[in-house]
Amino acid sequence: MSLNAKQARFTLKIAELIIWANKQGIQVIGSELYRTREQAALYAAQNKGILSSVHTKRLALDLYIFKGGTITWDTDDYRPLGEKWRKMDTEARWGGDFKNRDCVHFSFEHKGIK
């Protein structure tokens, strides 16, 4: 499968996840569908990401849950989204499962990178 085809599948699945979340009463805000290599390098230097981030391939989106008038960082608030996301595609990965948790991260694995 080409990268473009994978990006199109990812975008469709993310749209489905956002619609599902909305139907559950979960408000989400999307961020960083695309990250430049320069930005990825800055985040990696700050230990806030990795240089080979799938954000640079348009295969990741950070979804922030808007709850009670503010963004929540509680991993448990993201768990229903993460569980739903993992079931939507064999390549779907949720940052809440990572060693260094990143509960807002929803991606497709690409060449071993999550």
N, C-alpha and C. Protein backbone atom coordinates (compact mmCIF):
# COMPACT_ATOMS: atom_id res chain seq x y z
N MET A 1 0.85 -1.18 0.00
CA MET A 1 0.00 0.00 0.00
C MET A 1 0.89 1.24 0.00
N SER A 2 0.53 2.21 -0.84
CA SER A 2 1.31 3.45 -0.90
C SER A 2 1.08 4.28 0.36
N LEU A 3 2.02 5.19 0.62
CA LEU A 3 1.87 6.09 1.76
C LEU A 3 0.61 6.93 1.60
N ASN A 4 0.36 7.43 0.40
CA ASN A 4 -0.85 8.24 0.19
C ASN A 4 -2.13 7.45 0.48
N ALA A 5 -2.17 6.20 0.08
CA ALA A 5 -3.35 5.37 0.36
C ALA A 5 -3.50 5.16 1.87
N LYS A 6 -2.39 4.96 2.54
CA LYS A 6 -2.43 4.77 4.00
C LYS A 6 -2.89 6.06 4.69
N GLN A 7 -2.40 7.20 4.22
CA GLN A 7 -2.82 8.49 4.78
C GLN A 7 -4.32 8.70 4.59
N ALA A 8 -4.83 8.33 3.42
CA ALA A 8 -6.27 8.48 3.16
C ALA A 8 -7.07 7.57 4.09
N ARG A 9 -6.60 6.33 4.30
CA ARG A 9 -7.30 5.42 5.21
C ARG A 9 -7.25 5.96 6.64
N PHE A 10 -6.10 6.47 7.05
CA PHE A 10 -5.95 7.05 8.39
C PHE A 10 -6.93 8.22 8.57
N THR A 11 -6.98 9.11 7.60
CA THR A 11 -7.86 10.28 7.70
C THR A 11 -9.32 9.86 7.82
N LEU A 12 -9.73 8.88 7.05
CA LEU A 12 -11.10 8.38 7.13
C LEU A 12 -11.39 7.79 8.51
N LYS A 13 -10.47 6.99 9.02
CA LYS A 13 -10.67 6.36 10.33
C LYS A 13 -10.70 7.40 11.45
N ILE A 14 -9.84 8.41 11.36
CA ILE A 14 -9.85 9.49 12.37
C ILE A 14 -11.19 10.22 12.33
N ALA A 15 -11.69 10.48 11.12
CA ALA A 15 -13.00 11.14 11.00
C ALA A 15 -14.09 10.29 11.66
N GLU A 16 -14.04 8.99 11.43
CA GLU A 16 -15.01 8.08 12.05
C GLU A 16 -14.90 8.11 13.57
N LEU A 17 -13.66 8.17 14.09
CA LEU A 17 -13.45 8.23 15.55
C LEU A 17 -14.02 9.52 16.12
N ILE A 18 -13.78 10.64 15.44
CA ILE A 18 -14.29 11.93 15.92
C ILE A 18 -15.81 11.94 15.93
N ILE A 19 -16.42 11.39 14.90
CA ILE A 19 -17.89 11.32 14.84
C ILE A 19 -18.40 10.42 15.96
N TRP A 20 -17.74 9.28 16.18
CA TRP A 20 -18.14 8.37 17.25
C TRP A 20 -18.04 9.08 18.61
N ALA A 21 -16.92 9.79 18.83
CA ALA A 21 -16.73 10.50 20.10
C ALA A 21 -17.85 11.51 20.31
N ASN A 22 -18.18 12.25 19.29
CA ASN A 22 -19.24 13.25 19.38
C ASN A 22 -20.56 12.61 19.76
N LYS A 23 -20.85 11.46 19.17
CA LYS A 23 -22.10 10.76 19.50
C LYS A 23 -22.11 10.25 20.93
N GLN A 24 -20.93 10.05 21.51
CA GLN A 24 -20.82 9.63 22.92
C GLN A 24 -20.83 10.82 23.87
N GLY A 25 -20.91 12.03 23.31
CA GLY A 25 -20.87 13.24 24.13
C GLY A 25 -19.47 13.68 24.50
N ILE A 26 -18.47 13.16 23.79
CA ILE A 26 -17.08 13.50 24.05
C ILE A 26 -16.65 14.56 23.03
N GLN A 27 -16.34 15.75 23.52
CA GLN A 27 -15.87 16.82 22.63
C GLN A 27 -14.36 16.71 22.47
N VAL A 28 -13.88 16.70 21.22
CA VAL A 28 -12.45 16.62 20.97
C VAL A 28 -11.98 17.78 20.10
N ILE A 29 -10.73 18.11 20.29
CA ILE A 29 -10.06 19.14 19.50
C ILE A 29 -8.84 18.47 18.86
N GLY A 30 -8.72 18.57 17.54
CA GLY A 30 -7.59 17.95 16.85
C GLY A 30 -6.40 18.88 16.74
N SER A 31 -5.21 18.29 16.79
CA SER A 31 -3.98 19.07 16.69
C SER A 31 -2.88 18.23 16.06
N GLU A 32 -2.02 18.87 15.33
CA GLU A 32 -0.80 18.27 14.76
C GLU A 32 -1.04 17.04 13.89
N LEU A 33 -1.89 17.21 12.89
CA LEU A 33 -2.01 16.15 11.89
C LEU A 33 -0.71 16.07 11.10
N TYR A 34 -0.04 17.20 10.95
CA TYR A 34 1.24 17.22 10.27
C TYR A 34 2.26 17.96 11.13
N ARG A 35 3.44 17.38 11.23
CA ARG A 35 4.54 17.98 11.97
C ARG A 35 5.76 17.99 11.05
N THR A 36 6.38 19.13 10.91
CA THR A 36 7.58 19.20 10.08
C THR A 36 8.72 18.42 10.73
N ARG A 37 9.69 18.06 9.94
CA ARG A 37 10.87 17.36 10.49
C ARG A 37 11.59 18.27 11.48
N GLU A 38 11.60 19.57 11.20
CA GLU A 38 12.25 20.51 12.10
C GLU A 38 11.54 20.53 13.47
N GLN A 39 10.21 20.55 13.45
CA GLN A 39 9.46 20.54 14.70
C GLN A 39 9.66 19.21 15.43
N ALA A 40 9.68 18.11 14.69
CA ALA A 40 9.93 16.80 15.30
C ALA A 40 11.30 16.78 15.97
N ALA A 41 12.30 17.40 15.34
CA ALA A 41 13.64 17.47 15.92
C ALA A 41 13.64 18.29 17.21
N LEU A 42 12.90 19.40 17.21
CA LEU A 42 12.80 20.22 18.43
C LEU A 42 12.14 19.44 19.56
N TYR A 43 11.04 18.75 19.25
CA TYR A 43 10.36 17.95 20.28
C TYR A 43 11.27 16.83 20.79
N ALA A 44 12.00 16.19 19.88
CA ALA A 44 12.90 15.11 20.29
C ALA A 44 13.99 15.65 21.23
N ALA A 45 14.52 16.82 20.91
CA ALA A 45 15.56 17.43 21.75
C ALA A 45 15.03 17.77 23.14
N GLN A 46 13.72 18.04 23.23
CA GLN A 46 13.09 18.37 24.51
C GLN A 46 12.50 17.13 25.19
N ASN A 47 12.74 15.95 24.60
CA ASN A 47 12.20 14.68 25.09
C ASN A 47 10.67 14.70 25.12
N LYS A 48 10.06 15.37 24.14
CA LYS A 48 8.60 15.45 24.02
C LYS A 48 8.10 14.71 22.79
N GLY A 49 8.95 13.94 22.17
CA GLY A 49 8.59 13.20 20.96
C GLY A 49 9.81 12.54 20.38
N ILE A 50 9.62 11.98 19.18
CA ILE A 50 10.73 11.30 18.52
C ILE A 50 10.95 11.91 17.13
N LEU A 51 12.18 11.87 16.69
CA LEU A 51 12.54 12.45 15.40
C LEU A 51 11.78 11.78 14.25
N SER A 52 11.56 10.48 14.34
CA SER A 52 10.89 9.74 13.27
C SER A 52 9.37 9.66 13.47
N SER A 53 8.80 10.63 14.14
CA SER A 53 7.37 10.65 14.45
C SER A 53 6.50 10.42 13.21
N VAL A 54 5.45 9.62 13.38
CA VAL A 54 4.51 9.41 12.27
C VAL A 54 3.69 10.66 11.98
N HIS A 55 3.77 11.66 12.86
CA HIS A 55 3.16 12.95 12.55
C HIS A 55 3.79 13.53 11.28
N THR A 56 5.08 13.26 11.04
CA THR A 56 5.76 13.79 9.86
C THR A 56 5.27 13.10 8.58
N LYS A 57 4.55 12.00 8.74
CA LYS A 57 3.99 11.25 7.60
C LYS A 57 2.48 11.46 7.46
N ARG A 58 1.92 12.34 8.28
CA ARG A 58 0.47 12.57 8.31
C ARG A 58 -0.29 11.29 8.67
N LEU A 59 0.30 10.53 9.60
CA LEU A 59 -0.32 9.30 10.08
C LEU A 59 -0.58 9.34 11.58
N ALA A 60 -0.66 10.54 12.14
CA ALA A 60 -0.96 10.70 13.57
C ALA A 60 -1.70 12.01 13.77
N LEU A 61 -2.55 12.00 14.76
CA LEU A 61 -3.27 13.20 15.16
C LEU A 61 -3.37 13.19 16.67
N ASP A 62 -3.14 14.35 17.27
CA ASP A 62 -3.37 14.48 18.71
C ASP A 62 -4.80 14.98 18.88
N LEU A 63 -5.56 14.24 19.66
CA LEU A 63 -6.95 14.61 19.96
C LEU A 63 -7.05 14.94 21.43
N TYR A 64 -7.43 16.16 21.71
CA TYR A 64 -7.59 16.62 23.09
C TYR A 64 -9.06 16.60 23.45
N ILE A 65 -9.37 16.04 24.61
CA ILE A 65 -10.76 16.01 25.08
C ILE A 65 -11.02 17.30 25.84
N PHE A 66 -12.08 17.96 25.43
CA PHE A 66 -12.53 19.21 26.03
C PHE A 66 -13.63 18.84 27.02
N LYS A 67 -13.36 19.01 28.31
CA LYS A 67 -14.27 18.54 29.36
C LYS A 67 -14.38 19.60 30.45
N GLY A 68 -15.60 19.98 30.79
CA GLY A 68 -15.79 20.95 31.85
C GLY A 68 -15.16 22.30 31.55
N GLY A 69 -15.14 22.67 30.28
CA GLY A 69 -14.61 23.97 29.89
C GLY A 69 -13.11 24.04 29.69
N THR A 70 -12.42 22.89 29.81
CA THR A 70 -10.97 22.88 29.65
C THR A 70 -10.51 21.54 29.08
N ILE A 71 -9.28 21.50 28.66
CA ILE A 71 -8.71 20.24 28.15
C ILE A 71 -8.31 19.37 29.32
N THR A 72 -8.65 18.10 29.26
CA THR A 72 -8.28 17.15 30.31
C THR A 72 -7.02 16.38 29.89
N TRP A 73 -6.19 16.06 30.87
CA TRP A 73 -4.99 15.27 30.63
C TRP A 73 -5.06 13.92 31.35
N ASP A 74 -6.24 13.59 31.87
CA ASP A 74 -6.44 12.34 32.60
C ASP A 74 -6.54 11.18 31.60
N THR A 75 -5.59 10.27 31.65
CA THR A 75 -5.56 9.14 30.73
C THR A 75 -6.88 8.37 30.74
N ASP A 76 -7.51 8.24 31.90
CA ASP A 76 -8.77 7.51 31.98
C ASP A 76 -9.87 8.17 31.17
N ASP A 77 -9.83 9.48 31.01
CA ASP A 77 -10.82 10.17 30.16
C ASP A 77 -10.65 9.78 28.70
N TYR A 78 -9.42 9.45 28.30
CA TYR A 78 -9.12 9.10 26.91
C TYR A 78 -9.30 7.61 26.61
N ARG A 79 -9.38 6.81 27.66
CA ARG A 79 -9.44 5.36 27.48
C ARG A 79 -10.55 4.89 26.53
N PRO A 80 -11.80 5.41 26.62
CA PRO A 80 -12.82 4.97 25.67
C PRO A 80 -12.44 5.26 24.21
N LEU A 81 -11.81 6.41 23.97
CA LEU A 81 -11.35 6.73 22.61
C LEU A 81 -10.25 5.77 22.18
N GLY A 82 -9.30 5.53 23.08
CA GLY A 82 -8.20 4.63 22.76
C GLY A 82 -8.68 3.22 22.47
N GLU A 83 -9.61 2.72 23.27
CA GLU A 83 -10.14 1.37 23.05
C GLU A 83 -10.89 1.29 21.72
N LYS A 84 -11.69 2.29 21.43
CA LYS A 84 -12.41 2.33 20.16
C LYS A 84 -11.43 2.39 18.99
N TRP A 85 -10.42 3.26 19.11
CA TRP A 85 -9.44 3.44 18.03
C TRP A 85 -8.71 2.15 17.71
N ARG A 86 -8.25 1.43 18.73
CA ARG A 86 -7.51 0.19 18.51
C ARG A 86 -8.32 -0.84 17.74
N LYS A 87 -9.64 -0.81 17.89
CA LYS A 87 -10.51 -1.78 17.21
C LYS A 87 -10.84 -1.38 15.78
N MET A 88 -10.52 -0.17 15.39
CA MET A 88 -10.93 0.35 14.09
C MET A 88 -10.03 -0.08 12.93
N ASP A 89 -8.79 -0.45 13.22
CA ASP A 89 -7.86 -0.83 12.15
C ASP A 89 -6.69 -1.60 12.76
N THR A 90 -6.15 -2.52 12.02
CA THR A 90 -5.03 -3.32 12.54
C THR A 90 -3.77 -2.48 12.77
N GLU A 91 -3.67 -1.33 12.12
CA GLU A 91 -2.49 -0.48 12.30
C GLU A 91 -2.73 0.67 13.28
N ALA A 92 -3.92 0.74 13.85
CA ALA A 92 -4.25 1.83 14.78
C ALA A 92 -3.50 1.65 16.10
N ARG A 93 -2.85 2.73 16.54
CA ARG A 93 -2.12 2.73 17.80
C ARG A 93 -2.55 3.93 18.64
N TRP A 94 -2.63 3.71 19.95
CA TRP A 94 -3.03 4.77 20.88
C TRP A 94 -1.87 5.04 21.84
N GLY A 95 -1.52 6.30 22.00
CA GLY A 95 -0.42 6.68 22.86
C GLY A 95 -0.60 6.34 24.33
N GLY A 96 -1.82 6.10 24.75
CA GLY A 96 -2.06 5.69 26.13
C GLY A 96 -1.49 4.32 26.45
N ASP A 97 -1.16 3.56 25.39
CA ASP A 97 -0.55 2.24 25.56
C ASP A 97 0.98 2.29 25.54
N PHE A 98 1.55 3.44 25.21
CA PHE A 98 3.00 3.55 25.08
C PHE A 98 3.68 3.52 26.45
N LYS A 99 4.95 3.13 26.46
CA LYS A 99 5.75 3.14 27.68
C LYS A 99 5.74 4.55 28.28
N ASN A 100 6.02 5.54 27.46
CA ASN A 100 5.90 6.94 27.86
C ASN A 100 4.53 7.42 27.39
N ARG A 101 3.55 7.26 28.23
CA ARG A 101 2.16 7.53 27.85
C ARG A 101 1.98 8.89 27.19
N ASP A 102 1.17 8.86 26.15
CA ASP A 102 0.81 10.06 25.40
C ASP A 102 -0.67 9.89 25.03
N CYS A 103 -1.53 10.09 26.02
CA CYS A 103 -2.94 9.73 25.86
C CYS A 103 -3.66 10.49 24.74
N VAL A 104 -3.10 11.58 24.26
CA VAL A 104 -3.75 12.36 23.20
C VAL A 104 -3.36 11.88 21.80
N HIS A 105 -2.44 10.93 21.70
CA HIS A 105 -1.86 10.49 20.43
C HIS A 105 -2.64 9.32 19.83
N PHE A 106 -3.09 9.51 18.59
CA PHE A 106 -3.81 8.48 17.83
C PHE A 106 -3.11 8.37 16.48
N SER A 107 -2.63 7.16 16.15
CA SER A 107 -1.81 7.04 14.95
C SER A 107 -2.02 5.70 14.26
N PHE A 108 -1.41 5.61 13.07
CA PHE A 108 -1.24 4.35 12.36
C PHE A 108 0.24 4.02 12.43
N GLU A 109 0.56 2.78 12.72
CA GLU A 109 1.96 2.35 12.70
C GLU A 109 2.45 2.39 11.27
N HIS A 110 3.71 2.82 11.10
CA HIS A 110 4.31 2.87 9.77
C HIS A 110 5.79 2.51 9.88
N LYS A 111 6.15 1.40 9.25
CA LYS A 111 7.53 0.93 9.26
C LYS A 111 8.06 0.79 10.69
N GLY A 112 7.21 0.26 11.57
CA GLY A 112 7.60 0.00 12.96
C GLY A 112 7.50 1.19 13.88
N ILE A 113 7.14 2.36 13.36
CA ILE A 113 7.00 3.56 14.18
C ILE A 113 5.53 3.75 14.51
N LYS A 114 5.25 4.07 15.77
CA LYS A 114 3.88 4.27 16.22
C LYS A 114 3.60 5.74 16.34
